[in-house]
Amino acid sequence: MPQVMLDAVIFLKNNLADHFVIYFIPLYILGGRPVAILSAQLLGLRIFFLLPVVVMLDTLQIPLFYYLFGRLSRGLFIRKLYERTTKKEQNLRKSRLFHWIQLMGTPGVVAITMLPLKGCGMWSGVLLSQLLRLPKQTSYPLLIVGSILGCILIFGVGEVVLQLKDLFVNK
C-alpha cells in the first residue's frame, strides 16, 4: 500500500472510525475495494456487514460506467476522457491476463471484476462486457457475482493477515 494510502487510512481511523460511512466511503473511492475492505476488516468490521455495502457501491458504478462508455464521443472533456479510456483499452488488450480472461468469455467478466489487482474491477468488467458485446441483462449479474466473489477473496486474505498478526504479534 503506498504511503499516501497508509496515511489516509491512519488519518481516517484516528478521526472518523466511529462513523463507518464517513470512514469507509472515502477509502472505497480513493483506494478501491481492496483498500477499503482490508482497512475496515483491520478495524474489526465483519463480512456480514461490509459485503452488502461494498456490493451496493460496486453495483452503483455499473450504470455510470455504461453511461461513460456510451457517451465518450462528445465535447472536449469527453474526448480527453475517451482518449484515456482508449489508452486503457489498448493497454488491456496487450495484457496477457486480459487476453486470457477475454478468451474465457462470460466467466472472464466475473474473473476480471473479482480480481483485487490494479486494472481489474468494475470499470474493466464493464469494458470487457462491452468488448464481448454482452447485453446488460447478462453483464449485470456477472459483474455483481464478480463483486461478491472479489469481496470474499479480499476478506479471506484479510483473515489470513489477521491470524498471522495474532500468531506472531500476540505470542
N, C-alpha and C. Protein backbone atom coordinates (compact mmCIF):
# COMPACT_ATOMS: atom_id res chain seq x y z
N MET A 1 0.86 -1.16 0.00
CA MET A 1 0.00 0.00 0.00
C MET A 1 0.91 1.23 0.00
N PRO A 2 0.71 2.14 -0.94
CA PRO A 2 1.54 3.34 -0.99
C PRO A 2 1.39 4.16 0.31
N GLN A 3 2.40 4.95 0.59
CA GLN A 3 2.43 5.73 1.83
C GLN A 3 1.24 6.68 1.94
N VAL A 4 0.81 7.25 0.82
CA VAL A 4 -0.33 8.17 0.84
C VAL A 4 -1.59 7.43 1.32
N MET A 5 -1.80 6.21 0.80
CA MET A 5 -2.96 5.42 1.23
C MET A 5 -2.85 5.07 2.70
N LEU A 6 -1.64 4.69 3.14
CA LEU A 6 -1.45 4.35 4.55
C LEU A 6 -1.73 5.55 5.43
N ASP A 7 -1.26 6.73 5.03
CA ASP A 7 -1.54 7.96 5.77
C ASP A 7 -3.04 8.25 5.80
N ALA A 8 -3.73 8.02 4.67
CA ALA A 8 -5.17 8.24 4.62
C ALA A 8 -5.90 7.29 5.55
N VAL A 9 -5.48 6.03 5.56
CA VAL A 9 -6.11 5.05 6.45
C VAL A 9 -5.92 5.44 7.90
N ILE A 10 -4.70 5.83 8.28
CA ILE A 10 -4.42 6.22 9.67
C ILE A 10 -5.20 7.47 10.04
N PHE A 11 -5.23 8.47 9.16
CA PHE A 11 -5.99 9.69 9.44
C PHE A 11 -7.47 9.38 9.65
N LEU A 12 -8.03 8.61 8.71
CA LEU A 12 -9.45 8.28 8.83
C LEU A 12 -9.72 7.43 10.06
N LYS A 13 -8.83 6.52 10.38
CA LYS A 13 -9.01 5.68 11.57
C LYS A 13 -9.00 6.54 12.83
N ASN A 14 -8.05 7.45 12.91
CA ASN A 14 -7.93 8.29 14.11
C ASN A 14 -9.06 9.29 14.24
N ASN A 15 -9.60 9.76 13.12
CA ASN A 15 -10.57 10.84 13.17
C ASN A 15 -12.00 10.44 12.87
N LEU A 16 -12.20 9.41 12.08
CA LEU A 16 -13.54 9.14 11.60
C LEU A 16 -14.02 7.71 11.80
N ALA A 17 -13.22 6.85 12.42
CA ALA A 17 -13.57 5.43 12.50
C ALA A 17 -14.88 5.18 13.25
N ASP A 18 -15.28 6.10 14.09
CA ASP A 18 -16.55 5.92 14.82
C ASP A 18 -17.75 6.08 13.90
N HIS A 19 -17.56 6.72 12.79
CA HIS A 19 -18.63 6.94 11.83
C HIS A 19 -18.31 6.14 10.57
N PHE A 20 -18.85 4.95 10.48
CA PHE A 20 -18.49 4.00 9.45
C PHE A 20 -18.60 4.56 8.05
N VAL A 21 -19.69 5.19 7.73
CA VAL A 21 -19.91 5.68 6.36
C VAL A 21 -18.88 6.74 6.00
N ILE A 22 -18.59 7.64 6.93
CA ILE A 22 -17.62 8.70 6.66
C ILE A 22 -16.22 8.11 6.48
N TYR A 23 -15.95 7.01 7.16
CA TYR A 23 -14.65 6.37 7.06
C TYR A 23 -14.54 5.50 5.81
N PHE A 24 -15.53 4.68 5.57
CA PHE A 24 -15.44 3.64 4.56
C PHE A 24 -15.56 4.18 3.13
N ILE A 25 -16.49 5.05 2.88
CA ILE A 25 -16.74 5.52 1.51
C ILE A 25 -15.54 6.28 0.93
N PRO A 26 -14.88 7.19 1.68
CA PRO A 26 -13.68 7.82 1.09
C PRO A 26 -12.58 6.81 0.77
N LEU A 27 -12.41 5.82 1.63
CA LEU A 27 -11.41 4.80 1.32
C LEU A 27 -11.78 4.00 0.10
N TYR A 28 -13.05 3.70 -0.04
CA TYR A 28 -13.53 2.96 -1.21
C TYR A 28 -13.29 3.78 -2.48
N ILE A 29 -13.59 5.07 -2.43
CA ILE A 29 -13.42 5.93 -3.60
C ILE A 29 -11.94 6.11 -3.93
N LEU A 30 -11.12 6.37 -2.92
CA LEU A 30 -9.70 6.64 -3.15
C LEU A 30 -8.88 5.38 -3.43
N GLY A 31 -9.13 4.33 -2.68
CA GLY A 31 -8.27 3.16 -2.78
C GLY A 31 -8.89 1.95 -3.43
N GLY A 32 -10.19 2.00 -3.67
CA GLY A 32 -10.85 0.87 -4.28
C GLY A 32 -11.30 -0.16 -3.25
N ARG A 33 -11.87 -1.20 -3.77
CA ARG A 33 -12.44 -2.26 -2.94
C ARG A 33 -11.42 -2.89 -1.99
N PRO A 34 -10.22 -3.29 -2.46
CA PRO A 34 -9.29 -3.96 -1.55
C PRO A 34 -8.86 -3.10 -0.36
N VAL A 35 -8.50 -1.84 -0.61
CA VAL A 35 -8.05 -0.97 0.47
C VAL A 35 -9.17 -0.74 1.48
N ALA A 36 -10.36 -0.47 1.00
CA ALA A 36 -11.48 -0.20 1.89
C ALA A 36 -11.83 -1.43 2.73
N ILE A 37 -11.91 -2.58 2.10
CA ILE A 37 -12.29 -3.79 2.84
C ILE A 37 -11.22 -4.18 3.83
N LEU A 38 -9.97 -4.20 3.41
CA LEU A 38 -8.91 -4.62 4.33
C LEU A 38 -8.77 -3.67 5.51
N SER A 39 -8.87 -2.37 5.27
CA SER A 39 -8.76 -1.43 6.38
C SER A 39 -9.95 -1.55 7.33
N ALA A 40 -11.15 -1.71 6.78
CA ALA A 40 -12.33 -1.90 7.64
C ALA A 40 -12.23 -3.21 8.41
N GLN A 41 -11.70 -4.22 7.77
CA GLN A 41 -11.53 -5.51 8.44
C GLN A 41 -10.51 -5.39 9.57
N LEU A 42 -9.45 -4.63 9.36
CA LEU A 42 -8.46 -4.43 10.41
C LEU A 42 -9.04 -3.66 11.59
N LEU A 43 -10.09 -2.86 11.33
CA LEU A 43 -10.77 -2.15 12.41
C LEU A 43 -11.78 -3.04 13.13
N GLY A 44 -11.96 -4.25 12.66
CA GLY A 44 -12.86 -5.18 13.33
C GLY A 44 -14.24 -5.34 12.73
N LEU A 45 -14.50 -4.70 11.61
CA LEU A 45 -15.80 -4.87 10.96
C LEU A 45 -15.85 -6.21 10.25
N ARG A 46 -16.99 -6.84 10.25
CA ARG A 46 -17.13 -8.20 9.72
C ARG A 46 -17.79 -8.22 8.34
N ILE A 47 -17.61 -9.33 7.65
CA ILE A 47 -18.06 -9.50 6.28
C ILE A 47 -19.57 -9.36 6.13
N PHE A 48 -20.33 -9.81 7.13
CA PHE A 48 -21.79 -9.76 7.01
C PHE A 48 -22.31 -8.33 6.98
N PHE A 49 -21.53 -7.42 7.52
CA PHE A 49 -21.90 -6.01 7.49
C PHE A 49 -21.35 -5.33 6.23
N LEU A 50 -20.10 -5.64 5.88
CA LEU A 50 -19.45 -4.95 4.78
C LEU A 50 -19.85 -5.45 3.39
N LEU A 51 -20.10 -6.75 3.27
CA LEU A 51 -20.40 -7.32 1.96
C LEU A 51 -21.55 -6.61 1.25
N PRO A 52 -22.70 -6.41 1.91
CA PRO A 52 -23.79 -5.72 1.20
C PRO A 52 -23.43 -4.27 0.83
N VAL A 53 -22.66 -3.60 1.68
CA VAL A 53 -22.29 -2.21 1.40
C VAL A 53 -21.37 -2.15 0.18
N VAL A 54 -20.37 -3.01 0.13
CA VAL A 54 -19.42 -3.00 -0.98
C VAL A 54 -20.11 -3.41 -2.28
N VAL A 55 -20.93 -4.43 -2.23
CA VAL A 55 -21.62 -4.87 -3.44
C VAL A 55 -22.55 -3.77 -3.94
N MET A 56 -23.19 -3.06 -3.02
CA MET A 56 -24.05 -1.94 -3.42
C MET A 56 -23.22 -0.84 -4.09
N LEU A 57 -22.07 -0.49 -3.50
CA LEU A 57 -21.22 0.55 -4.10
C LEU A 57 -20.69 0.11 -5.45
N ASP A 58 -20.31 -1.16 -5.57
CA ASP A 58 -19.86 -1.67 -6.87
C ASP A 58 -20.99 -1.63 -7.89
N THR A 59 -22.17 -2.05 -7.49
CA THR A 59 -23.32 -2.10 -8.39
C THR A 59 -23.71 -0.70 -8.86
N LEU A 60 -23.57 0.29 -7.99
CA LEU A 60 -23.89 1.66 -8.38
C LEU A 60 -22.95 2.18 -9.47
N GLN A 61 -21.76 1.59 -9.57
CA GLN A 61 -20.80 2.03 -10.59
C GLN A 61 -21.17 1.54 -11.98
N ILE A 62 -21.85 0.41 -12.07
CA ILE A 62 -22.11 -0.22 -13.37
C ILE A 62 -22.84 0.72 -14.33
N PRO A 63 -23.98 1.31 -13.94
CA PRO A 63 -24.64 2.20 -14.91
C PRO A 63 -23.80 3.43 -15.24
N LEU A 64 -23.02 3.91 -14.29
CA LEU A 64 -22.15 5.05 -14.54
C LEU A 64 -21.12 4.70 -15.62
N PHE A 65 -20.50 3.54 -15.50
CA PHE A 65 -19.51 3.15 -16.49
C PHE A 65 -20.14 2.87 -17.85
N TYR A 66 -21.31 2.27 -17.86
CA TYR A 66 -22.01 2.07 -19.13
C TYR A 66 -22.33 3.42 -19.77
N TYR A 67 -22.77 4.36 -18.96
CA TYR A 67 -23.09 5.69 -19.47
C TYR A 67 -21.83 6.35 -20.05
N LEU A 68 -20.72 6.29 -19.29
CA LEU A 68 -19.48 6.90 -19.76
C LEU A 68 -18.99 6.26 -21.05
N PHE A 69 -18.99 4.94 -21.10
CA PHE A 69 -18.55 4.26 -22.32
C PHE A 69 -19.47 4.58 -23.50
N GLY A 70 -20.76 4.75 -23.22
CA GLY A 70 -21.71 5.04 -24.28
C GLY A 70 -21.65 6.47 -24.79
N ARG A 71 -21.19 7.40 -23.96
CA ARG A 71 -21.21 8.83 -24.32
C ARG A 71 -19.84 9.42 -24.60
N LEU A 72 -18.83 8.59 -24.75
CA LEU A 72 -17.47 9.09 -24.85
C LEU A 72 -17.11 9.60 -26.25
N SER A 73 -17.95 10.39 -26.83
CA SER A 73 -17.61 10.90 -28.16
C SER A 73 -17.90 12.38 -28.32
N ARG A 74 -18.50 13.02 -27.34
CA ARG A 74 -18.87 14.43 -27.49
C ARG A 74 -18.12 15.31 -26.49
N GLY A 75 -17.79 16.53 -26.92
CA GLY A 75 -17.21 17.52 -26.03
C GLY A 75 -15.73 17.32 -25.78
N LEU A 76 -15.03 18.39 -25.40
CA LEU A 76 -13.59 18.36 -25.15
C LEU A 76 -13.27 17.46 -23.96
N PHE A 77 -13.98 17.66 -22.86
CA PHE A 77 -13.74 16.82 -21.67
C PHE A 77 -13.99 15.37 -21.99
N ILE A 78 -15.06 15.12 -22.70
CA ILE A 78 -15.42 13.75 -23.05
C ILE A 78 -14.38 13.16 -23.99
N ARG A 79 -13.86 13.97 -24.91
CA ARG A 79 -12.82 13.47 -25.82
C ARG A 79 -11.56 13.08 -25.05
N LYS A 80 -11.18 13.91 -24.07
CA LYS A 80 -9.99 13.59 -23.27
C LYS A 80 -10.24 12.32 -22.46
N LEU A 81 -11.42 12.21 -21.89
CA LEU A 81 -11.77 11.00 -21.16
C LEU A 81 -11.78 9.80 -22.09
N TYR A 82 -12.28 10.01 -23.30
CA TYR A 82 -12.31 8.94 -24.30
C TYR A 82 -10.88 8.50 -24.65
N GLU A 83 -9.96 9.47 -24.79
CA GLU A 83 -8.58 9.14 -25.09
C GLU A 83 -7.97 8.30 -23.98
N ARG A 84 -8.26 8.68 -22.73
CA ARG A 84 -7.75 7.88 -21.59
C ARG A 84 -8.35 6.49 -21.61
N THR A 85 -9.64 6.40 -21.90
CA THR A 85 -10.31 5.10 -21.95
C THR A 85 -9.75 4.26 -23.08
N THR A 86 -9.54 4.88 -24.24
CA THR A 86 -8.98 4.17 -25.38
C THR A 86 -7.58 3.67 -25.06
N LYS A 87 -6.80 4.50 -24.39
CA LYS A 87 -5.45 4.10 -23.99
C LYS A 87 -5.51 2.93 -23.01
N LYS A 88 -6.42 3.00 -22.05
CA LYS A 88 -6.59 1.91 -21.09
C LYS A 88 -7.03 0.64 -21.82
N GLU A 89 -7.94 0.79 -22.77
CA GLU A 89 -8.42 -0.36 -23.53
C GLU A 89 -7.26 -0.98 -24.32
N GLN A 90 -6.42 -0.14 -24.95
CA GLN A 90 -5.28 -0.66 -25.70
C GLN A 90 -4.30 -1.37 -24.79
N ASN A 91 -4.03 -0.79 -23.61
CA ASN A 91 -3.14 -1.44 -22.65
C ASN A 91 -3.73 -2.77 -22.18
N LEU A 92 -5.03 -2.78 -21.93
CA LEU A 92 -5.67 -4.03 -21.51
C LEU A 92 -5.59 -5.08 -22.62
N ARG A 93 -5.80 -4.65 -23.85
CA ARG A 93 -5.76 -5.61 -24.97
C ARG A 93 -4.37 -6.22 -25.12
N LYS A 94 -3.31 -5.49 -24.76
CA LYS A 94 -1.95 -6.01 -24.85
C LYS A 94 -1.62 -6.95 -23.69
N SER A 95 -2.35 -6.85 -22.61
CA SER A 95 -2.08 -7.64 -21.42
C SER A 95 -2.39 -9.12 -21.64
N ARG A 96 -1.49 -9.98 -21.22
CA ARG A 96 -1.73 -11.42 -21.32
C ARG A 96 -2.90 -11.84 -20.46
N LEU A 97 -2.97 -11.27 -19.26
CA LEU A 97 -4.07 -11.59 -18.36
C LEU A 97 -5.41 -11.26 -18.99
N PHE A 98 -5.50 -10.07 -19.59
CA PHE A 98 -6.75 -9.66 -20.22
C PHE A 98 -7.08 -10.55 -21.42
N HIS A 99 -6.07 -10.90 -22.18
CA HIS A 99 -6.30 -11.78 -23.34
C HIS A 99 -6.84 -13.13 -22.86
N TRP A 100 -6.24 -13.66 -21.81
CA TRP A 100 -6.71 -14.94 -21.26
C TRP A 100 -8.14 -14.81 -20.74
N ILE A 101 -8.42 -13.72 -20.04
CA ILE A 101 -9.77 -13.50 -19.50
C ILE A 101 -10.77 -13.30 -20.63
N GLN A 102 -10.37 -12.60 -21.68
CA GLN A 102 -11.27 -12.38 -22.81
C GLN A 102 -11.59 -13.71 -23.50
N LEU A 103 -10.62 -14.59 -23.58
CA LEU A 103 -10.86 -15.91 -24.17
C LEU A 103 -11.84 -16.73 -23.32
N MET A 104 -11.90 -16.44 -22.04
CA MET A 104 -12.84 -17.15 -21.16
C MET A 104 -14.28 -16.79 -21.48
N GLY A 105 -14.50 -15.64 -22.09
CA GLY A 105 -15.87 -15.21 -22.42
C GLY A 105 -16.58 -14.67 -21.19
N THR A 106 -17.83 -15.08 -21.01
CA THR A 106 -18.62 -14.52 -19.89
C THR A 106 -18.03 -14.83 -18.52
N PRO A 107 -17.43 -16.00 -18.27
CA PRO A 107 -16.77 -16.17 -16.97
C PRO A 107 -15.60 -15.21 -16.78
N GLY A 108 -15.03 -14.72 -17.89
CA GLY A 108 -13.96 -13.74 -17.81
C GLY A 108 -14.43 -12.43 -17.21
N VAL A 109 -15.69 -12.07 -17.44
CA VAL A 109 -16.25 -10.85 -16.85
C VAL A 109 -16.25 -10.99 -15.32
N VAL A 110 -16.66 -12.15 -14.83
CA VAL A 110 -16.64 -12.40 -13.38
C VAL A 110 -15.20 -12.35 -12.88
N ALA A 111 -14.28 -13.00 -13.60
CA ALA A 111 -12.89 -13.08 -13.16
C ALA A 111 -12.23 -11.71 -13.08
N ILE A 112 -12.38 -10.90 -14.13
CA ILE A 112 -11.71 -9.59 -14.12
C ILE A 112 -12.34 -8.64 -13.10
N THR A 113 -13.62 -8.83 -12.82
CA THR A 113 -14.29 -7.99 -11.85
C THR A 113 -13.87 -8.34 -10.43
N MET A 114 -13.61 -9.60 -10.17
CA MET A 114 -13.31 -10.02 -8.80
C MET A 114 -11.85 -9.86 -8.40
N LEU A 115 -10.96 -9.81 -9.37
CA LEU A 115 -9.53 -9.78 -9.04
C LEU A 115 -9.14 -8.48 -8.34
N PRO A 116 -8.43 -8.59 -7.22
CA PRO A 116 -8.00 -7.38 -6.50
C PRO A 116 -6.67 -6.84 -7.01
N LEU A 117 -6.56 -6.71 -8.32
CA LEU A 117 -5.34 -6.23 -8.94
C LEU A 117 -5.59 -4.87 -9.58
N LYS A 118 -4.52 -4.12 -9.75
CA LYS A 118 -4.62 -2.84 -10.43
C LYS A 118 -5.07 -3.08 -11.86
N GLY A 119 -6.07 -2.36 -12.29
CA GLY A 119 -6.60 -2.51 -13.64
C GLY A 119 -7.77 -3.47 -13.72
N CYS A 120 -8.09 -4.11 -12.65
CA CYS A 120 -9.25 -5.00 -12.61
C CYS A 120 -10.34 -4.32 -11.79
N GLY A 121 -11.52 -4.84 -11.83
CA GLY A 121 -12.62 -4.26 -11.08
C GLY A 121 -13.81 -3.97 -11.97
N MET A 122 -14.69 -3.12 -11.47
CA MET A 122 -15.94 -2.86 -12.18
C MET A 122 -15.71 -2.17 -13.52
N TRP A 123 -14.80 -1.20 -13.56
CA TRP A 123 -14.52 -0.48 -14.81
C TRP A 123 -14.08 -1.47 -15.89
N SER A 124 -13.14 -2.33 -15.56
CA SER A 124 -12.65 -3.31 -16.52
C SER A 124 -13.69 -4.37 -16.85
N GLY A 125 -14.50 -4.73 -15.86
CA GLY A 125 -15.57 -5.70 -16.11
C GLY A 125 -16.60 -5.16 -17.09
N VAL A 126 -16.98 -3.90 -16.94
CA VAL A 126 -17.92 -3.29 -17.88
C VAL A 126 -17.28 -3.17 -19.25
N LEU A 127 -16.00 -2.79 -19.28
CA LEU A 127 -15.29 -2.68 -20.56
C LEU A 127 -15.26 -4.04 -21.26
N LEU A 128 -14.93 -5.10 -20.54
CA LEU A 128 -14.91 -6.43 -21.14
C LEU A 128 -16.30 -6.85 -21.60
N SER A 129 -17.32 -6.54 -20.81
CA SER A 129 -18.69 -6.85 -21.22
C SER A 129 -19.03 -6.19 -22.55
N GLN A 130 -18.60 -4.95 -22.69
CA GLN A 130 -18.87 -4.25 -23.95
C GLN A 130 -18.05 -4.82 -25.10
N LEU A 131 -16.80 -5.17 -24.83
CA LEU A 131 -15.97 -5.76 -25.88
C LEU A 131 -16.53 -7.12 -26.33
N LEU A 132 -17.11 -7.86 -25.40
CA LEU A 132 -17.72 -9.14 -25.73
C LEU A 132 -19.14 -8.97 -26.28
N ARG A 133 -19.62 -7.73 -26.27
CA ARG A 133 -20.96 -7.39 -26.76
C ARG A 133 -22.05 -8.14 -26.00
N LEU A 134 -21.86 -8.20 -24.68
CA LEU A 134 -22.87 -8.85 -23.84
C LEU A 134 -24.02 -7.87 -23.58
N PRO A 135 -25.24 -8.33 -23.61
CA PRO A 135 -26.36 -7.44 -23.24
C PRO A 135 -26.29 -7.12 -21.74
N LYS A 136 -26.83 -5.98 -21.38
CA LYS A 136 -26.80 -5.57 -19.97
C LYS A 136 -27.47 -6.59 -19.06
N GLN A 137 -28.52 -7.25 -19.56
CA GLN A 137 -29.22 -8.25 -18.75
C GLN A 137 -28.29 -9.42 -18.39
N THR A 138 -27.30 -9.66 -19.20
CA THR A 138 -26.33 -10.72 -18.92
C THR A 138 -25.16 -10.19 -18.09
N SER A 139 -24.69 -9.00 -18.43
CA SER A 139 -23.48 -8.49 -17.77
C SER A 139 -23.71 -8.04 -16.33
N TYR A 140 -24.86 -7.45 -16.02
CA TYR A 140 -25.11 -7.01 -14.65
C TYR A 140 -24.95 -8.14 -13.64
N PRO A 141 -25.63 -9.28 -13.84
CA PRO A 141 -25.45 -10.38 -12.86
C PRO A 141 -24.00 -10.87 -12.80
N LEU A 142 -23.32 -10.92 -13.95
CA LEU A 142 -21.93 -11.36 -13.95
C LEU A 142 -21.05 -10.39 -13.15
N LEU A 143 -21.27 -9.10 -13.33
CA LEU A 143 -20.50 -8.09 -12.61
C LEU A 143 -20.78 -8.14 -11.10
N ILE A 144 -22.03 -8.35 -10.73
CA ILE A 144 -22.38 -8.44 -9.30
C ILE A 144 -21.79 -9.69 -8.68
N VAL A 145 -21.83 -10.82 -9.38
CA VAL A 145 -21.20 -12.05 -8.87
C VAL A 145 -19.70 -11.83 -8.71
N GLY A 146 -19.08 -11.16 -9.67
CA GLY A 146 -17.65 -10.83 -9.56
C GLY A 146 -17.36 -9.97 -8.35
N SER A 147 -18.22 -9.02 -8.07
CA SER A 147 -18.06 -8.17 -6.90
C SER A 147 -18.15 -8.99 -5.61
N ILE A 148 -19.15 -9.86 -5.53
CA ILE A 148 -19.32 -10.68 -4.33
C ILE A 148 -18.11 -11.60 -4.13
N LEU A 149 -17.69 -12.28 -5.20
CA LEU A 149 -16.54 -13.18 -5.09
C LEU A 149 -15.25 -12.42 -4.77
N GLY A 150 -15.12 -11.22 -5.33
CA GLY A 150 -13.96 -10.39 -5.03
C GLY A 150 -13.92 -9.99 -3.57
N CYS A 151 -15.07 -9.63 -3.01
CA CYS A 151 -15.14 -9.28 -1.59
C CYS A 151 -14.74 -10.47 -0.72
N ILE A 152 -15.26 -11.64 -1.06
CA ILE A 152 -14.94 -12.85 -0.29
C ILE A 152 -13.45 -13.15 -0.38
N LEU A 153 -12.86 -12.99 -1.56
CA LEU A 153 -11.43 -13.20 -1.74
C LEU A 153 -10.62 -12.24 -0.87
N ILE A 154 -10.98 -10.97 -0.90
CA ILE A 154 -10.26 -9.97 -0.11
C ILE A 154 -10.44 -10.25 1.38
N PHE A 155 -11.65 -10.62 1.80
CA PHE A 155 -11.85 -10.97 3.21
C PHE A 155 -11.01 -12.16 3.62
N GLY A 156 -10.87 -13.14 2.73
CA GLY A 156 -10.02 -14.29 3.02
C GLY A 156 -8.58 -13.88 3.25
N VAL A 157 -8.08 -13.01 2.39
CA VAL A 157 -6.72 -12.50 2.54
C VAL A 157 -6.60 -11.74 3.86
N GLY A 158 -7.59 -10.91 4.17
CA GLY A 158 -7.58 -10.15 5.42
C GLY A 158 -7.58 -11.05 6.64
N GLU A 159 -8.35 -12.13 6.59
CA GLU A 159 -8.39 -13.07 7.72
C GLU A 159 -7.03 -13.74 7.92
N VAL A 160 -6.38 -14.11 6.82
CA VAL A 160 -5.05 -14.70 6.92
C VAL A 160 -4.08 -13.71 7.56
N VAL A 161 -4.13 -12.45 7.12
CA VAL A 161 -3.25 -11.42 7.69
C VAL A 161 -3.53 -11.25 9.18
N LEU A 162 -4.80 -11.20 9.58
CA LEU A 162 -5.14 -11.04 10.99
C LEU A 162 -4.69 -12.24 11.82
N GLN A 163 -4.83 -13.44 11.28
CA GLN A 163 -4.39 -14.62 12.02
C GLN A 163 -2.87 -14.67 12.13
N LEU A 164 -2.16 -14.26 11.08
CA LEU A 164 -0.70 -14.19 11.15
C LEU A 164 -0.27 -13.15 12.17
N LYS A 165 -0.97 -12.04 12.21
CA LYS A 165 -0.67 -10.99 13.19
C LYS A 165 -0.87 -11.53 14.60
N ASP A 166 -1.98 -12.22 14.83
CA ASP A 166 -2.22 -12.80 16.14
C ASP A 166 -1.17 -13.85 16.50
N LEU A 167 -0.75 -14.61 15.52
CA LEU A 167 0.22 -15.66 15.76
C LEU A 167 1.59 -15.11 16.13
N PHE A 168 2.04 -14.07 15.41
CA PHE A 168 3.39 -13.56 15.62
C PHE A 168 3.46 -12.39 16.59
N VAL A 169 2.46 -11.54 16.62
CA VAL A 169 2.50 -10.35 17.46
C VAL A 169 2.00 -10.65 18.87
N ASN A 170 0.96 -11.41 18.99
CA ASN A 170 0.35 -11.68 20.30
C ASN A 170 0.86 -12.97 20.91
N LYS A 171 2.11 -13.29 20.73
CA LYS A 171 2.69 -14.51 21.31
C LYS A 171 2.83 -14.41 22.79
